[in-house]
Amino acid sequence: MTDTSATPLRSFLFTPANHPRRVEKVFEIGADAVILDLEDAVAISEKAAARQCVVDAFSARPKGGAKHYVRVNSVDTPYCEEDLKATVGPWLDGVVLPKVESRACLDRLENWLATAEAAQGLPVGQLDVMPIIETAAGVESAKAIAMADSRIRRLAFGGGDYTLDLNYEWHADESVLAYARARLSHASRLGDLEPPIDTVVLQIRDDARFLQSAEHGKQFGFGGKLCIHPSQVPLTHQVFSPSEAEIAHARAVVAAFEAAEAAGSASIQLDGYFIDYPIVYKSQRILALADKLSKDS
């Protein structure tokens, strides 16, 4: 369920759990959340040892800065349950689960996670779960996943595996991602979740492409971005934080409408723009987001 008091998480920065230099630096970037990866970025031969790296890295850093997440392996692998047993503890804020395709998949993870929490003396349900939707089956099941009786707060979208699954060609215009983005944003709203988190961009030296992709995600109601390179974090914050111009316009809209409403009118024009209640509510949402982000900065 949406926590209206929580500071929004815009940037989730991945780094391989078993690369000490990258792990050391990832906490210095300023991401809202750090994801230490046990899945795609870690070779099979290294997976067991990488679990202890997650514990060591997170337990050495007090909470209060970037949120601490671990991406475990998918539930249909022989690694997921052991990933949870080895990495769950008071040093963790949440678990990222890849390739979620059904509510049953989510339920399986939740059961394992509850057992791991209890074993560590944590309240069952304390840790967040962020499912990554990254296949055709997952996209079609997004509504059931979002509306499940679960602890999830937001969905994430994985464009790389999604386009691989469907043999799509992923170009800069990202037209092939529109259907999936729409499905995830609708599902998130129906499940009363926070806005979903948008896909990674693989071109780590192409800031223009990243910004374009982030803007596409924002247009579809996404609230942030999965990042795979430190340079992508400030770009994410740039797109998913209200600009000074947006804040000024929102304030003007709210002030003008409140004055008109006090005079008995529920629709006005401001600078040639028609304003009624939906526009005012959108402006109030922008101001609330800006306020939350300013308090956390």
Protein backbone atom coordinates (compact mmCIF):
# COMPACT_ATOMS: atom_id res chain seq x y z
CA MET A 1 0.00 0.00 0.00
CA THR A 2 1.12 3.55 -0.68
CA ASP A 3 2.85 5.25 2.25
CA THR A 4 2.00 8.91 1.74
CA SER A 5 4.45 10.01 4.44
CA ALA A 6 7.53 8.30 3.03
CA THR A 7 10.13 10.11 0.98
CA PRO A 8 9.77 8.92 -2.64
CA LEU A 9 12.52 6.68 -3.98
CA ARG A 10 13.51 7.84 -7.45
CA SER A 11 16.88 6.18 -8.14
CA PHE A 12 17.77 2.53 -7.56
CA LEU A 13 21.45 1.96 -8.36
CA PHE A 14 22.63 -1.59 -9.09
CA THR A 15 26.12 -2.87 -8.44
CA PRO A 16 27.46 -6.45 -8.37
CA ALA A 17 27.62 -7.66 -4.76
CA ASN A 18 30.97 -9.39 -5.30
CA HIS A 19 32.94 -6.39 -6.64
CA PRO A 20 34.46 -4.73 -3.53
CA ARG A 21 35.58 -1.52 -5.27
CA ARG A 22 32.19 -0.92 -6.86
CA VAL A 23 30.38 -1.75 -3.65
CA GLU A 24 32.55 0.70 -1.73
CA LYS A 25 31.81 3.52 -4.17
CA VAL A 26 28.10 2.86 -4.74
CA PHE A 27 27.14 4.38 -1.38
CA GLU A 28 28.85 7.66 -2.27
CA ILE A 29 26.83 8.43 -5.42
CA GLY A 30 23.72 9.85 -3.80
CA ALA A 31 21.21 7.27 -5.04
CA ASP A 32 17.98 6.97 -3.11
CA ALA A 33 18.48 3.20 -2.94
CA VAL A 34 21.42 0.86 -3.50
CA ILE A 35 20.77 -2.61 -4.91
CA LEU A 36 23.54 -5.16 -4.37
CA ASP A 37 23.02 -7.71 -7.10
CA LEU A 38 23.18 -11.49 -6.70
CA GLU A 39 21.50 -12.26 -10.02
CA ASP A 40 22.68 -11.35 -13.54
CA ALA A 41 25.87 -9.57 -12.45
CA VAL A 42 27.22 -12.53 -10.46
CA ALA A 43 28.58 -15.72 -12.01
CA ILE A 44 27.10 -19.01 -10.77
CA SER A 45 30.42 -19.98 -9.20
CA GLU A 46 30.41 -16.73 -7.17
CA LYS A 47 26.81 -16.63 -5.98
CA ALA A 48 27.28 -18.31 -2.62
CA ALA A 49 30.26 -16.14 -1.64
CA ALA A 50 28.52 -12.98 -2.86
CA ARG A 51 25.78 -13.40 -0.25
CA GLN A 52 28.22 -12.66 2.57
CA CYS A 53 29.42 -9.61 0.64
CA VAL A 54 25.87 -8.22 0.85
CA VAL A 55 25.75 -8.68 4.61
CA ASP A 56 29.22 -7.22 5.13
CA ALA A 57 28.55 -4.16 2.96
CA PHE A 58 25.17 -3.25 4.40
CA SER A 59 25.91 -4.06 8.03
CA ALA A 60 28.98 -1.80 7.89
CA ARG A 61 26.83 1.20 6.93
CA PRO A 62 24.20 2.61 9.28
CA LYS A 63 20.77 3.18 7.85
CA GLY A 64 19.64 6.71 7.20
CA GLY A 65 21.19 7.32 3.81
CA ALA A 66 20.49 5.25 0.73
CA LYS A 67 18.02 2.42 1.27
CA HIS A 68 19.58 -1.06 1.28
CA TYR A 69 18.19 -3.57 -1.21
CA VAL A 70 19.44 -6.92 -2.45
CA ARG A 71 18.43 -8.41 -5.78
CA VAL A 72 18.10 -12.13 -5.28
CA ASN A 73 17.85 -14.75 -7.98
CA SER A 74 14.42 -15.61 -9.36
CA VAL A 75 12.23 -18.11 -7.49
CA ASP A 76 12.57 -20.75 -10.21
CA THR A 77 16.33 -21.05 -9.59
CA PRO A 78 18.05 -23.14 -6.90
CA TYR A 79 19.53 -19.94 -5.40
CA CYS A 80 16.64 -17.72 -4.31
CA GLU A 81 15.73 -19.31 -0.99
CA GLU A 82 19.36 -19.50 0.08
CA ASP A 83 19.89 -15.89 -1.02
CA LEU A 84 17.19 -14.85 1.43
CA LYS A 85 18.41 -17.02 4.29
CA ALA A 86 21.91 -15.60 3.95
CA THR A 87 21.20 -11.90 3.37
CA VAL A 88 18.09 -11.00 5.37
CA GLY A 89 18.83 -9.07 8.55
CA PRO A 90 18.40 -5.70 10.26
CA TRP A 91 20.84 -4.16 7.77
CA LEU A 92 18.34 -4.63 4.91
CA ASP A 93 15.40 -2.47 3.74
CA GLY A 94 14.10 -4.61 0.94
CA VAL A 95 14.42 -7.38 -1.62
CA VAL A 96 14.29 -7.00 -5.40
CA LEU A 97 12.84 -10.06 -7.10
CA PRO A 98 13.52 -10.50 -10.82
CA LYS A 99 11.34 -12.11 -13.49
CA VAL A 100 8.10 -12.07 -11.55
CA GLU A 101 5.41 -13.55 -13.76
CA SER A 102 2.53 -14.41 -11.44
CA ARG A 103 1.00 -13.93 -8.04
CA ALA A 104 2.09 -17.48 -7.18
CA CYS A 105 5.70 -16.47 -7.83
CA LEU A 106 5.30 -13.53 -5.46
CA ASP A 107 3.63 -15.69 -2.81
CA ARG A 108 6.51 -18.15 -2.90
CA LEU A 109 9.02 -15.39 -2.30
CA GLU A 110 6.92 -13.89 0.49
CA ASN A 111 6.81 -17.23 2.33
CA TRP A 112 10.57 -17.67 2.14
CA LEU A 113 11.14 -14.07 3.17
CA ALA A 114 8.82 -14.35 6.17
CA THR A 115 10.76 -17.40 7.35
CA ALA A 116 14.05 -15.53 6.97
CA GLU A 117 12.72 -12.50 8.83
CA ALA A 118 11.50 -14.63 11.71
CA ALA A 119 14.85 -16.41 11.90
CA GLN A 120 16.56 -13.03 12.28
CA GLY A 121 14.10 -11.78 14.87
CA LEU A 122 12.62 -9.21 12.50
CA PRO A 123 8.89 -8.44 12.39
CA VAL A 124 7.41 -10.49 9.56
CA GLY A 125 6.49 -8.12 6.77
CA GLN A 126 9.05 -5.46 7.67
CA LEU A 127 11.12 -5.74 4.50
CA ASP A 128 9.90 -4.31 1.22
CA VAL A 129 9.65 -6.49 -1.89
CA MET A 130 10.05 -4.87 -5.30
CA PRO A 131 9.11 -7.26 -8.13
CA ILE A 132 10.70 -6.63 -11.52
CA ILE A 133 8.24 -7.23 -14.35
CA GLU A 134 10.33 -8.15 -17.36
CA THR A 135 8.55 -10.75 -19.50
CA ALA A 136 5.37 -10.91 -21.56
CA ALA A 137 3.81 -13.17 -18.91
CA GLY A 138 4.75 -10.74 -16.16
CA VAL A 139 3.29 -7.76 -18.01
CA GLU A 140 0.01 -9.58 -18.59
CA SER A 141 -0.11 -10.59 -14.90
CA ALA A 142 0.87 -7.15 -13.58
CA LYS A 143 -2.63 -6.36 -12.31
CA ALA A 144 -2.85 -9.59 -10.27
CA ILE A 145 0.65 -9.04 -8.90
CA ALA A 146 -0.04 -5.42 -7.91
CA MET A 147 -3.38 -6.27 -6.29
CA ALA A 148 -2.08 -9.26 -4.34
CA ASP A 149 -2.34 -9.24 -0.57
CA SER A 150 1.36 -8.65 -0.15
CA ARG A 151 4.02 -6.32 1.21
CA ILE A 152 5.03 -4.84 -2.14
CA ARG A 153 5.06 -1.05 -2.36
CA ARG A 154 5.99 -0.60 -6.01
CA LEU A 155 6.66 -2.51 -9.22
CA ALA A 156 9.74 -2.16 -11.41
CA PHE A 157 10.07 -2.66 -15.16
CA GLY A 158 12.94 -4.48 -16.83
CA GLY A 159 13.16 -3.52 -20.49
CA GLY A 160 16.19 -5.65 -21.35
CA ASP A 161 14.68 -9.02 -20.56
CA TYR A 162 11.26 -7.84 -21.79
CA THR A 163 12.53 -6.99 -25.27
CA LEU A 164 14.57 -10.21 -25.31
CA ASP A 165 11.52 -12.25 -24.38
CA LEU A 166 9.48 -10.78 -27.24
CA ASN A 167 12.35 -10.41 -29.73
CA TYR A 168 11.62 -6.68 -29.90
CA GLU A 169 14.08 -4.13 -31.25
CA TRP A 170 14.71 -1.59 -28.50
CA HIS A 171 15.46 1.76 -30.12
CA ALA A 172 15.80 5.19 -28.55
CA ASP A 173 12.16 6.12 -29.20
CA GLU A 174 11.16 3.16 -26.97
CA SER A 175 7.83 2.74 -28.75
CA VAL A 176 7.99 -1.03 -28.09
CA LEU A 177 7.91 -0.35 -24.33
CA ALA A 178 4.70 1.69 -24.35
CA TYR A 179 2.31 -1.22 -23.80
CA ALA A 180 4.28 -2.60 -20.86
CA ARG A 181 4.65 0.81 -19.25
CA ALA A 182 0.92 1.42 -19.53
CA ARG A 183 0.12 -1.98 -18.04
CA LEU A 184 2.43 -1.38 -15.07
CA SER A 185 1.13 2.10 -14.36
CA HIS A 186 -2.49 0.91 -14.51
CA ALA A 187 -1.69 -2.09 -12.30
CA SER A 188 0.09 0.09 -9.75
CA ARG A 189 -2.88 2.43 -9.51
CA LEU A 190 -5.36 -0.44 -9.13
CA GLY A 191 -3.17 -1.98 -6.42
CA ASP A 192 -2.78 1.36 -4.61
CA LEU A 193 0.99 1.09 -4.95
CA GLU A 194 3.55 3.84 -5.31
CA PRO A 195 4.41 4.81 -8.90
CA PRO A 196 6.42 2.07 -10.63
CA ILE A 197 10.16 2.31 -11.26
CA ASP A 198 11.23 2.45 -14.90
CA THR A 199 13.67 0.27 -16.78
CA VAL A 200 17.44 0.56 -16.97
CA VAL A 201 19.11 2.13 -19.98
CA LEU A 202 21.97 0.03 -21.26
CA GLN A 203 23.82 2.84 -23.07
CA ILE A 204 25.76 4.10 -20.04
CA ARG A 205 27.63 6.83 -21.94
CA ASP A 206 24.58 8.28 -23.68
CA ASP A 207 23.06 10.82 -21.31
CA ALA A 208 20.66 12.13 -23.94
CA ARG A 209 19.20 8.68 -24.46
CA PHE A 210 18.88 8.16 -20.73
CA LEU A 211 17.07 11.46 -20.25
CA GLN A 212 14.75 10.65 -23.16
CA SER A 213 13.98 7.26 -21.65
CA ALA A 214 13.36 8.77 -18.22
CA GLU A 215 10.99 11.34 -19.71
CA HIS A 216 9.08 8.52 -21.43
CA GLY A 217 8.74 6.74 -18.11
CA LYS A 218 7.60 9.92 -16.37
CA GLN A 219 4.93 10.45 -19.04
CA PHE A 220 3.55 7.02 -18.17
CA GLY A 221 3.35 7.86 -14.47
CA PHE A 222 6.56 6.17 -13.34
CA GLY A 223 8.24 7.61 -10.29
CA GLY A 224 11.90 6.77 -10.83
CA LYS A 225 14.47 4.72 -12.69
CA LEU A 226 16.63 1.65 -12.27
CA CYS A 227 20.24 2.76 -12.77
CA ILE A 228 23.31 0.74 -13.74
CA HIS A 229 25.91 3.53 -13.76
CA PRO A 230 26.63 6.32 -11.25
CA SER A 231 26.19 9.01 -13.93
CA GLN A 232 22.55 8.00 -14.32
CA VAL A 233 21.60 8.89 -10.74
CA PRO A 234 21.65 12.71 -11.03
CA LEU A 235 19.88 12.45 -14.38
CA THR A 236 17.14 10.41 -12.72
CA HIS A 237 16.73 12.98 -9.97
CA GLN A 238 16.59 15.74 -12.56
CA VAL A 239 13.67 14.13 -14.38
CA PHE A 240 11.71 12.73 -11.46
CA SER A 241 11.92 15.81 -9.22
CA PRO A 242 9.69 18.82 -9.88
CA SER A 243 11.59 21.63 -11.57
CA GLU A 244 11.49 25.20 -10.28
CA ALA A 245 9.25 26.10 -13.23
CA GLU A 246 6.85 23.24 -12.43
CA ILE A 247 6.72 24.26 -8.78
CA ALA A 248 6.09 27.92 -9.63
CA HIS A 249 3.31 27.00 -12.06
CA ALA A 250 1.72 24.62 -9.56
CA ARG A 251 1.73 27.31 -6.87
CA ALA A 252 0.15 29.79 -9.28
CA VAL A 253 -2.54 27.28 -10.24
CA VAL A 254 -3.44 26.48 -6.63
CA ALA A 255 -3.47 30.13 -5.57
CA ALA A 256 -5.60 31.25 -8.52
CA PHE A 257 -8.06 28.42 -8.10
CA GLU A 258 -8.42 28.95 -4.36
CA ALA A 259 -9.24 32.61 -5.01
CA ALA A 260 -11.76 31.68 -7.70
CA GLU A 261 -13.32 28.97 -5.56
CA ALA A 262 -13.76 31.42 -2.71
CA ALA A 263 -15.66 33.62 -5.15
CA GLY A 264 -17.91 30.72 -6.16
CA SER A 265 -16.21 29.48 -9.33
CA ALA A 266 -14.80 25.97 -9.91
CA SER A 267 -13.17 26.60 -13.29
CA ILE A 268 -10.90 29.41 -14.42
CA GLN A 269 -8.25 30.27 -16.98
CA LEU A 270 -4.65 31.00 -16.10
CA ASP A 271 -2.27 32.19 -18.80
CA GLY A 272 -4.61 30.76 -21.43
CA TYR A 273 -4.83 27.38 -19.69
CA PHE A 274 -8.16 25.96 -18.50
CA ILE A 275 -8.09 24.93 -14.85
CA ASP A 276 -10.59 22.85 -12.92
CA TYR A 277 -10.36 20.38 -10.03
CA PRO A 278 -8.25 17.66 -11.77
CA ILE A 279 -5.65 20.25 -12.76
CA VAL A 280 -5.58 21.63 -9.22
CA TYR A 281 -5.17 18.14 -7.74
CA LYS A 282 -2.26 17.51 -10.11
CA SER A 283 -0.64 20.77 -9.02
CA GLN A 284 -1.14 19.88 -5.36
CA ARG A 285 0.54 16.54 -6.02
CA ILE A 286 3.55 18.29 -7.56
CA LEU A 287 3.86 20.58 -4.55
CA ALA A 288 3.55 17.68 -2.11
CA LEU A 289 6.32 15.78 -3.92
CA ALA A 290 8.56 18.84 -3.93
CA ASP A 291 7.95 19.31 -0.21
CA LYS A 292 8.84 15.70 0.61
CA LEU A 293 12.02 15.84 -1.43
CA SER A 294 13.09 19.16 0.09
CA LYS A 295 12.68 17.82 3.62
CA ASP A 296 14.93 14.86 2.83
CA SER A 297 17.65 16.87 1.09
